[in-house]
């Protein structure tokens, strides 16, 4: 029953997101090795992004699903 693919690798990138209500969210998103952060936001078939290790007000280390329609801007952290 435990069919986890051992070849799956994570590639987390730190980003900062500003939402329409003025919230600033810091966290990480998982992208494919051949993908850019910006491609997460241009995919039309996906309405939400998943952020992990989120820092938002009093929440630290949480997971958040952010509706892309409510994002004003995104800033990826330089490597």
PDB file of N, CA and C in Angstrom:
ATOM      1  N   UNK A   1       0.808  -1.185   0.000  1.00  0.00           N
ATOM      2  CA  UNK A   1       0.000   0.000   0.000  1.00  0.00           C
ATOM      3  C   UNK A   1       0.858   1.258   0.000  1.00  0.00           C
ATOM      4  N   UNK A   2       2.118   1.114   0.358  1.00  0.00           N
ATOM      5  CA  UNK A   2       3.005   2.267   0.437  1.00  0.00           C
ATOM      6  C   UNK A   2       3.801   2.387  -0.849  1.00  0.00           C
ATOM      7  N   UNK A   3       3.216   2.991  -1.892  1.00  0.00           N
ATOM      8  CA  UNK A   3       3.835   3.086  -3.215  1.00  0.00           C
ATOM      9  C   UNK A   3       4.479   4.452  -3.439  1.00  0.00           C
ATOM     10  N   UNK A   4       5.335   4.859  -2.528  1.00  0.00           N
ATOM     11  CA  UNK A   4       6.005   6.144  -2.666  1.00  0.00           C
ATOM     12  C   UNK A   4       7.142   5.997  -3.661  1.00  0.00           C
ATOM     13  N   UNK A   5       7.195   6.928  -4.608  1.00  0.00           N
ATOM     14  CA  UNK A   5       8.230   6.923  -5.634  1.00  0.00           C
ATOM     15  C   UNK A   5       9.522   7.484  -5.041  1.00  0.00           C
ATOM     16  N   UNK A   6      10.542   6.637  -4.881  1.00  0.00           N
ATOM     17  CA  UNK A   6      11.806   7.063  -4.286  1.00  0.00           C
ATOM     18  C   UNK A   6      12.583   8.018  -5.188  1.00  0.00           C
ATOM     19  N   UNK A   7      12.235   8.079  -6.479  1.00  0.00           N
ATOM     20  CA  UNK A   7      12.957   8.950  -7.387  1.00  0.00           C
ATOM     21  C   UNK A   7      12.441  10.392  -7.351  1.00  0.00           C
ATOM     22  N   UNK A   8      11.347  10.636  -6.642  1.00  0.00           N
ATOM     23  CA  UNK A   8      10.787  11.983  -6.548  1.00  0.00           C
ATOM     24  C   UNK A   8      11.696  12.854  -5.689  1.00  0.00           C
ATOM     25  N   UNK A   9      12.076  13.999  -6.224  1.00  0.00           N
ATOM     26  CA  UNK A   9      12.931  14.921  -5.491  1.00  0.00           C
ATOM     27  C   UNK A   9      12.222  16.257  -5.343  1.00  0.00           C
ATOM     28  N   UNK A  10      12.445  16.891  -4.219  1.00  0.00           N
ATOM     29  CA  UNK A  10      11.859  18.210  -4.004  1.00  0.00           C
ATOM     30  C   UNK A  10      12.875  19.288  -4.353  1.00  0.00           C
ATOM     31  N   UNK A  11      12.369  20.400  -4.828  1.00  0.00           N
ATOM     32  CA  UNK A  11      13.195  21.542  -5.189  1.00  0.00           C
ATOM     33  C   UNK A  11      12.486  22.789  -4.674  1.00  0.00           C
ATOM     34  N   UNK A  12      12.676  23.081  -3.391  1.00  0.00           N
ATOM     35  CA  UNK A  12      11.972  24.190  -2.769  1.00  0.00           C
ATOM     36  C   UNK A  12      12.682  25.504  -3.047  1.00  0.00           C
ATOM     37  N   UNK A  13      11.877  26.531  -3.364  1.00  0.00           N
ATOM     38  CA  UNK A  13      12.383  27.890  -3.566  1.00  0.00           C
ATOM     39  C   UNK A  13      11.643  28.817  -2.612  1.00  0.00           C
ATOM     40  N   UNK A  14      12.366  29.681  -1.959  1.00  0.00           N
ATOM     41  CA  UNK A  14      11.772  30.650  -1.040  1.00  0.00           C
ATOM     42  C   UNK A  14      11.193  31.813  -1.830  1.00  0.00           C
ATOM     43  N   UNK A  15       9.970  32.206  -1.442  1.00  0.00           N
ATOM     44  CA  UNK A  15       9.308  33.333  -2.095  1.00  0.00           C
ATOM     45  C   UNK A  15       8.594  34.192  -1.059  1.00  0.00           C
ATOM     46  N   UNK A  16       8.300  35.407  -1.458  1.00  0.00           N
ATOM     47  CA  UNK A  16       7.448  36.309  -0.686  1.00  0.00           C
ATOM     48  C   UNK A  16       6.265  36.661  -1.575  1.00  0.00           C
ATOM     49  N   UNK A  17       5.055  36.577  -1.005  1.00  0.00           N
ATOM     50  CA  UNK A  17       3.819  36.837  -1.747  1.00  0.00           C
ATOM     51  C   UNK A  17       3.069  37.966  -1.063  1.00  0.00           C
ATOM     52  N   UNK A  18       2.544  38.902  -1.853  1.00  0.00           N
ATOM     53  CA  UNK A  18       1.655  39.945  -1.331  1.00  0.00           C
ATOM     54  C   UNK A  18       0.267  39.664  -1.886  1.00  0.00           C
ATOM     55  N   UNK A  19      -0.733  39.633  -1.009  1.00  0.00           N
ATOM     56  CA  UNK A  19      -2.102  39.343  -1.426  1.00  0.00           C
ATOM     57  C   UNK A  19      -2.936  40.622  -1.487  1.00  0.00           C
ATOM     58  N   UNK A  20      -4.106  40.519  -2.075  1.00  0.00           N
ATOM     59  CA  UNK A  20      -4.973  41.680  -2.268  1.00  0.00           C
ATOM     60  C   UNK A  20      -5.436  42.298  -0.949  1.00  0.00           C
ATOM     61  N   UNK A  21      -5.438  41.540   0.143  1.00  0.00           N
ATOM     62  CA  UNK A  21      -5.832  42.104   1.431  1.00  0.00           C
ATOM     63  C   UNK A  21      -4.658  42.753   2.159  1.00  0.00           C
ATOM     64  N   UNK A  22      -3.478  42.805   1.499  1.00  0.00           N
ATOM     65  CA  UNK A  22      -2.309  43.459   2.074  1.00  0.00           C
ATOM     66  C   UNK A  22      -1.397  42.555   2.866  1.00  0.00           C
ATOM     67  N   UNK A  23      -1.744  41.269   2.984  1.00  0.00           N
ATOM     68  CA  UNK A  23      -0.898  40.338   3.720  1.00  0.00           C
ATOM     69  C   UNK A  23       0.384  40.040   2.947  1.00  0.00           C
ATOM     70  N   UNK A  24       1.474  39.907   3.679  1.00  0.00           N
ATOM     71  CA  UNK A  24       2.738  39.489   3.097  1.00  0.00           C
ATOM     72  C   UNK A  24       3.055  38.113   3.664  1.00  0.00           C
ATOM     73  N   UNK A  25       3.231  37.151   2.774  1.00  0.00           N
ATOM     74  CA  UNK A  25       3.437  35.760   3.170  1.00  0.00           C
ATOM     75  C   UNK A  25       4.816  35.327   2.703  1.00  0.00           C
ATOM     76  N   UNK A  26       5.612  34.827   3.634  1.00  0.00           N
ATOM     77  CA  UNK A  26       6.920  34.270   3.307  1.00  0.00           C
ATOM     78  C   UNK A  26       6.835  32.760   3.443  1.00  0.00           C
ATOM     79  N   UNK A  27       7.437  32.052   2.495  1.00  0.00           N
ATOM     80  CA  UNK A  27       7.421  30.597   2.551  1.00  0.00           C
ATOM     81  C   UNK A  27       8.172  30.003   1.386  1.00  0.00           C
ATOM     82  N   UNK A  28       7.908  28.739   1.142  1.00  0.00           N
ATOM     83  CA  UNK A  28       8.594  28.013   0.070  1.00  0.00           C
ATOM     84  C   UNK A  28       7.580  27.323  -0.821  1.00  0.00           C
ATOM     85  N   UNK A  29       7.924  27.215  -2.108  1.00  0.00           N
ATOM     86  CA  UNK A  29       7.128  26.452  -3.062  1.00  0.00           C
ATOM     87  C   UNK A  29       8.027  25.381  -3.668  1.00  0.00           C
ATOM     88  N   UNK A  30       7.437  24.269  -4.047  1.00  0.00           N
ATOM     89  CA  UNK A  30       8.180  23.178  -4.667  1.00  0.00           C
ATOM     90  C   UNK A  30       8.007  23.274  -6.180  1.00  0.00           C
ATOM     91  N   UNK A  31       9.111  23.350  -6.887  1.00  0.00           N
ATOM     92  CA  UNK A  31       9.054  23.421  -8.347  1.00  0.00           C
ATOM     93  C   UNK A  31       9.847  22.265  -8.938  1.00  0.00           C
ATOM     94  N   UNK A  32       9.544  21.932 -10.172  1.00  0.00           N
ATOM     95  CA  UNK A  32      10.286  20.899 -10.896  1.00  0.00           C
ATOM     96  C   UNK A  32      11.690  21.409 -11.188  1.00  0.00           C
ATOM     97  N   UNK A  33      12.646  20.504 -11.344  1.00  0.00           N
ATOM     98  CA  UNK A  33      14.025  20.937 -11.616  1.00  0.00           C
ATOM     99  C   UNK A  33      14.157  21.808 -12.870  1.00  0.00           C
ATOM    100  N   UNK A  34      13.313  21.604 -13.868  1.00  0.00           N
ATOM    101  CA  UNK A  34      13.402  22.371 -15.113  1.00  0.00           C
ATOM    102  C   UNK A  34      12.367  23.506 -15.168  1.00  0.00           C
ATOM    103  N   UNK A  35      11.815  23.881 -14.019  1.00  0.00           N
ATOM    104  CA  UNK A  35      10.753  24.873 -13.960  1.00  0.00           C
ATOM    105  C   UNK A  35      11.244  26.147 -13.261  1.00  0.00           C
ATOM    106  N   UNK A  36      10.682  27.276 -13.665  1.00  0.00           N
ATOM    107  CA  UNK A  36      10.951  28.549 -12.993  1.00  0.00           C
ATOM    108  C   UNK A  36       9.797  28.856 -12.045  1.00  0.00           C
ATOM    109  N   UNK A  37      10.062  29.651 -11.035  1.00  0.00           N
ATOM    110  CA  UNK A  37       9.019  30.026 -10.079  1.00  0.00           C
ATOM    111  C   UNK A  37       7.851  30.693 -10.799  1.00  0.00           C
ATOM    112  N   UNK A  38       8.140  31.525 -11.770  1.00  0.00           N
ATOM    113  CA  UNK A  38       7.082  32.251 -12.470  1.00  0.00           C
ATOM    114  C   UNK A  38       6.085  31.325 -13.160  1.00  0.00           C
ATOM    115  N   UNK A  39       6.526  30.139 -13.542  1.00  0.00           N
ATOM    116  CA  UNK A  39       5.630  29.200 -14.217  1.00  0.00           C
ATOM    117  C   UNK A  39       4.528  28.686 -13.310  1.00  0.00           C
ATOM    118  N   UNK A  40       4.730  28.712 -11.997  1.00  0.00           N
ATOM    119  CA  UNK A  40       3.660  28.333 -11.069  1.00  0.00           C
ATOM    120  C   UNK A  40       2.460  29.265 -11.210  1.00  0.00           C
ATOM    121  N   UNK A  41       2.735  30.514 -11.535  1.00  0.00           N
ATOM    122  CA  UNK A  41       1.695  31.529 -11.563  1.00  0.00           C
ATOM    123  C   UNK A  41       1.091  31.726 -12.941  1.00  0.00           C
ATOM    124  N   UNK A  42       1.685  31.156 -13.960  1.00  0.00           N
ATOM    125  CA  UNK A  42       1.156  31.293 -15.315  1.00  0.00           C
ATOM    126  C   UNK A  42       0.373  30.062 -15.760  1.00  0.00           C
ATOM    127  N   UNK A  43       0.407  28.976 -14.997  1.00  0.00           N
ATOM    128  CA  UNK A  43      -0.377  27.783 -15.326  1.00  0.00           C
ATOM    129  C   UNK A  43      -1.851  28.091 -15.091  1.00  0.00           C
ATOM    130  N   UNK A  44      -2.627  28.071 -16.129  1.00  0.00           N
ATOM    131  CA  UNK A  44      -4.040  28.444 -16.026  1.00  0.00           C
ATOM    132  C   UNK A  44      -4.911  27.334 -15.434  1.00  0.00           C
ATOM    133  N   UNK A  45      -4.472  26.089 -15.513  1.00  0.00           N
ATOM    134  CA  UNK A  45      -5.290  24.975 -15.036  1.00  0.00           C
ATOM    135  C   UNK A  45      -5.185  24.760 -13.524  1.00  0.00           C
ATOM    136  N   UNK A  46      -4.324  25.524 -12.850  1.00  0.00           N
ATOM    137  CA  UNK A  46      -4.144  25.395 -11.407  1.00  0.00           C
ATOM    138  C   UNK A  46      -4.497  26.727 -10.759  1.00  0.00           C
ATOM    139  N   UNK A  47      -5.514  26.721  -9.872  1.00  0.00           N
ATOM    140  CA  UNK A  47      -5.991  27.967  -9.259  1.00  0.00           C
ATOM    141  C   UNK A  47      -5.264  28.334  -7.974  1.00  0.00           C
ATOM    142  N   UNK A  48      -4.591  27.366  -7.357  1.00  0.00           N
ATOM    143  CA  UNK A  48      -3.938  27.598  -6.075  1.00  0.00           C
ATOM    144  C   UNK A  48      -2.468  27.217  -6.149  1.00  0.00           C
ATOM    145  N   UNK A  49      -1.655  27.902  -5.344  1.00  0.00           N
ATOM    146  CA  UNK A  49      -0.284  27.462  -5.141  1.00  0.00           C
ATOM    147  C   UNK A  49      -0.190  26.944  -3.713  1.00  0.00           C
ATOM    148  N   UNK A  50       0.707  26.026  -3.478  1.00  0.00           N
ATOM    149  CA  UNK A  50       0.915  25.461  -2.153  1.00  0.00           C
ATOM    150  C   UNK A  50       2.232  26.008  -1.623  1.00  0.00           C
ATOM    151  N   UNK A  51       2.170  26.627  -0.461  1.00  0.00           N
ATOM    152  CA  UNK A  51       3.367  27.140   0.196  1.00  0.00           C
ATOM    153  C   UNK A  51       3.587  26.377   1.496  1.00  0.00           C
ATOM    154  N   UNK A  52       4.842  26.021   1.770  1.00  0.00           N
ATOM    155  CA  UNK A  52       5.201  25.332   3.013  1.00  0.00           C
ATOM    156  C   UNK A  52       6.151  26.219   3.808  1.00  0.00           C
ATOM    157  N   UNK A  53       6.345  25.880   5.069  1.00  0.00           N
ATOM    158  CA  UNK A  53       7.191  26.670   5.976  1.00  0.00           C
ATOM    159  C   UNK A  53       6.791  28.141   5.953  1.00  0.00           C
ATOM    160  N   UNK A  54       5.478  28.382   5.991  1.00  0.00           N
ATOM    161  CA  UNK A  54       4.932  29.732   5.867  1.00  0.00           C
ATOM    162  C   UNK A  54       5.130  30.528   7.149  1.00  0.00           C
ATOM    163  N   UNK A  55       5.506  31.789   6.982  1.00  0.00           N
ATOM    164  CA  UNK A  55       5.554  32.752   8.073  1.00  0.00           C
ATOM    165  C   UNK A  55       4.541  33.834   7.731  1.00  0.00           C
ATOM    166  N   UNK A  56       3.502  33.935   8.558  1.00  0.00           N
ATOM    167  CA  UNK A  56       2.423  34.901   8.339  1.00  0.00           C
ATOM    168  C   UNK A  56       1.840  35.282   9.688  1.00  0.00           C
ATOM    169  N   UNK A  57       2.046  36.509  10.090  1.00  0.00           N
ATOM    170  CA  UNK A  57       1.575  37.001  11.396  1.00  0.00           C
ATOM    171  C   UNK A  57       2.077  36.073  12.494  1.00  0.00           C
ATOM    172  N   UNK A  58       1.171  35.392  13.208  1.00  0.00           N
ATOM    173  CA  UNK A  58       1.589  34.518  14.300  1.00  0.00           C
ATOM    174  C   UNK A  58       1.739  33.058  13.870  1.00  0.00           C
ATOM    175  N   UNK A  59       1.545  32.760  12.599  1.00  0.00           N
ATOM    176  CA  UNK A  59       1.686  31.393  12.099  1.00  0.00           C
ATOM    177  C   UNK A  59       3.100  31.195  11.553  1.00  0.00           C
ATOM    178  N   UNK A  60       3.782  30.187  12.059  1.00  0.00           N
ATOM    179  CA  UNK A  60       5.137  29.879  11.607  1.00  0.00           C
ATOM    180  C   UNK A  60       5.211  28.390  11.300  1.00  0.00           C
ATOM    181  N   UNK A  61       5.770  28.053  10.119  1.00  0.00           N
ATOM    182  CA  UNK A  61       5.953  26.659   9.761  1.00  0.00           C
ATOM    183  C   UNK A  61       4.697  25.974   9.258  1.00  0.00           C
ATOM    184  N   UNK A  62       3.704  26.730   8.878  1.00  0.00           N
ATOM    185  CA  UNK A  62       2.434  26.166   8.411  1.00  0.00           C
ATOM    186  C   UNK A  62       2.457  25.913   6.911  1.00  0.00           C
ATOM    187  N   UNK A  63       1.437  25.215   6.438  1.00  0.00           N
ATOM    188  CA  UNK A  63       1.207  25.012   5.009  1.00  0.00           C
ATOM    189  C   UNK A  63      -0.011  25.845   4.634  1.00  0.00           C
ATOM    190  N   UNK A  64       0.094  26.583   3.520  1.00  0.00           N
ATOM    191  CA  UNK A  64      -1.023  27.411   3.065  1.00  0.00           C
ATOM    192  C   UNK A  64      -1.274  27.161   1.586  1.00  0.00           C
ATOM    193  N   UNK A  65      -2.545  27.146   1.218  1.00  0.00           N
ATOM    194  CA  UNK A  65      -2.965  27.076  -0.171  1.00  0.00           C
ATOM    195  C   UNK A  65      -3.441  28.479  -0.534  1.00  0.00           C
ATOM    196  N   UNK A  66      -2.774  29.118  -1.485  1.00  0.00           N
ATOM    197  CA  UNK A  66      -3.042  30.507  -1.816  1.00  0.00           C
ATOM    198  C   UNK A  66      -3.728  30.572  -3.183  1.00  0.00           C
ATOM    199  N   UNK A  67      -4.888  31.229  -3.224  1.00  0.00           N
ATOM    200  CA  UNK A  67      -5.612  31.411  -4.476  1.00  0.00           C
ATOM    201  C   UNK A  67      -4.857  32.426  -5.337  1.00  0.00           C
ATOM    202  N   UNK A  68      -4.470  32.041  -6.537  1.00  0.00           N
ATOM    203  CA  UNK A  68      -3.681  32.905  -7.405  1.00  0.00           C
ATOM    204  C   UNK A  68      -4.437  34.166  -7.812  1.00  0.00           C
ATOM    205  N   UNK A  69      -5.762  34.145  -7.778  1.00  0.00           N
ATOM    206  CA  UNK A  69      -6.550  35.335  -8.126  1.00  0.00           C
ATOM    207  C   UNK A  69      -6.391  36.449  -7.094  1.00  0.00           C
ATOM    208  N   UNK A  70      -5.869  36.134  -5.919  1.00  0.00           N
ATOM    209  CA  UNK A  70      -5.731  37.111  -4.837  1.00  0.00           C
ATOM    210  C   UNK A  70      -4.284  37.514  -4.593  1.00  0.00           C
ATOM    211  N   UNK A  71      -3.406  37.214  -5.549  1.00  0.00           N
ATOM    212  CA  UNK A  71      -1.999  37.570  -5.418  1.00  0.00           C
ATOM    213  C   UNK A  71      -1.729  38.849  -6.207  1.00  0.00           C
ATOM    214  N   UNK A  72      -1.092  39.803  -5.547  1.00  0.00           N
ATOM    215  CA  UNK A  72      -0.731  41.073  -6.187  1.00  0.00           C
ATOM    216  C   UNK A  72       0.654  40.952  -6.809  1.00  0.00           C
ATOM    217  N   UNK A  73       1.624  40.451  -6.044  1.00  0.00           N
ATOM    218  CA  UNK A  73       2.964  40.243  -6.574  1.00  0.00           C
ATOM    219  C   UNK A  73       3.667  39.101  -5.832  1.00  0.00           C
ATOM    220  N   UNK A  74       4.708  38.579  -6.470  1.00  0.00           N
ATOM    221  CA  UNK A  74       5.535  37.516  -5.905  1.00  0.00           C
ATOM    222  C   UNK A  74       6.989  37.870  -6.126  1.00  0.00           C
ATOM    223  N   UNK A  75       7.804  37.676  -5.108  1.00  0.00           N
ATOM    224  CA  UNK A  75       9.222  37.936  -5.217  1.00  0.00           C
ATOM    225  C   UNK A  75       9.994  36.681  -4.826  1.00  0.00           C
ATOM    226  N   UNK A  76      10.661  36.039  -5.788  1.00  0.00           N
ATOM    227  CA  UNK A  76      11.487  34.881  -5.435  1.00  0.00           C
ATOM    228  C   UNK A  76      12.771  35.348  -4.759  1.00  0.00           C
ATOM    229  N   UNK A  77      13.235  34.549  -3.813  1.00  0.00           N
ATOM    230  CA  UNK A  77      14.487  34.858  -3.139  1.00  0.00           C
ATOM    231  C   UNK A  77      15.631  34.402  -4.017  1.00  0.00           C
ATOM    232  N   UNK A  78      16.639  35.236  -4.162  1.00  0.00           N
ATOM    233  CA  UNK A  78      17.794  34.879  -4.986  1.00  0.00           C
ATOM    234  C   UNK A  78      18.544  33.714  -4.364  1.00  0.00           C
ATOM    235  N   UNK A  79      19.108  32.893  -5.245  1.00  0.00           N
ATOM    236  CA  UNK A  79      19.907  31.760  -4.768  1.00  0.00           C
ATOM    237  C   UNK A  79      21.283  32.195  -4.385  1.00  0.00           C
TER     238      UNK A  79
END
